[in-house]
Amino acid sequence: MAVKLGVIIPINKRKKIKLPERMLNICKEKNIEVSVLDVNDDNFFETGPFDVLLHKIEDFYNECSPEEALQRTTKVREYAARYPDMIVLDDFDVSMKMTDRNFMTNVIQQACMTIDGITVFVPKIIEIPENSTLEECKQLVSSNFMKFPVLAKPLSASLDQGSHNMVLIFSMDHLNNLPKPCLLQEFCNHSGIIYKIFVIGDHISFCERPSIKDIHQSDQKNDTLYFDTRDVSKTGKAFIPDLHESNPNDRVWLSSDENPNMLNFNVVNAVVKRVKEVCNIHLFGLDILVEKETGNYALIDCNQFPGYTGINEEYLPKYLAELVLKLAKK
């Protein structure tokens, strides 16, 4: 009997990750019937039931007004509630909560450990409330013994177009440039490389991408830098002298297929396992920096159902199909 897979992914996200289109052939081979659901269809509640429901409902907030997004996500939840035996990939509540950087930070803080002499840590991070005065910001930074430079991050990790906007602040005197509310995190030198870990069920792949250059004592007098992380850490983007050590387009950025030893796999595997234990998700990505001074791993981000760009394009359809079959048999 065929396994039935329902897919609810907002149209812009579908176009970006090409799902389910890119997995139709392998699903046919593995006897998985794929149906794309439209929440605006008059017969939406009559479709199915399915063995597994693959979704990215949080992306409705990037494509609709907040009110419309809430209506659509509520409708999907109501649909799933009608079929309690249907596996939801991944849990609605966790998927939504992972867009909150406070929640996400709590998750990765539970994945801190030491393996093979490598310590996994989350750089010191504090929250700056919305109405904080400059003096209150300085007090928060001082009382938590924060070291400059620091990176200001929006509280939302994906629910608005400004979620990628970061601010790099070099001294206490520049805290007046803080966007509020925000999370403030210590910056650690990492040789201008960020490692993207991609998890699809039991499969783990990773790749390297450009990142912010090392910052030295002489840089502490610099003005505040504002940037979009997508301009810094995506390949093929323009060289930004204030942020990049060298032109990222002048080198080849490898994946774990080309260089499986770019990270200690025992450490990566243990961190992935821990994140799964904490929040029971199957599709996610992690961002790791290798601290230049120590070789320890700074865990700075966790994204549910990322784009999987930078690894073999065949992996997502292949291992996603395997995951669907595994979940359907539980």
Foldseek 3Di string as FASTA:
>chain_A
DAAEEEEAEPPVVCVLLVPPPVQVVVSVVVRYHYDYADLPDPCRLVDDDGQEYEYLLLCVLAVDPPVVSVVSLVSVVVSCVVPVNHQYAPDPVVQNQQQFVVSFVVLLQLLFDADPNFTEHAFDKDWDAAPDDLVNVLVVCVVSVADDFKKWAARGCPSYPCRQKIKTAQDSVQCVVHHPGTMIGHDFAFQQKKKKWWFAAPDIKIWIWGWFHDDDPVCSPPHMDIDGVCQGTDPPHADDVNGGPDTRPVDDIAMCVVPVVPDDVVSVSSSVVSSCVVRVHGTKMWMWGQGPVRRHIHTHGMHGNDSPPRDPSVVNSVSNSVVSVVSSVD
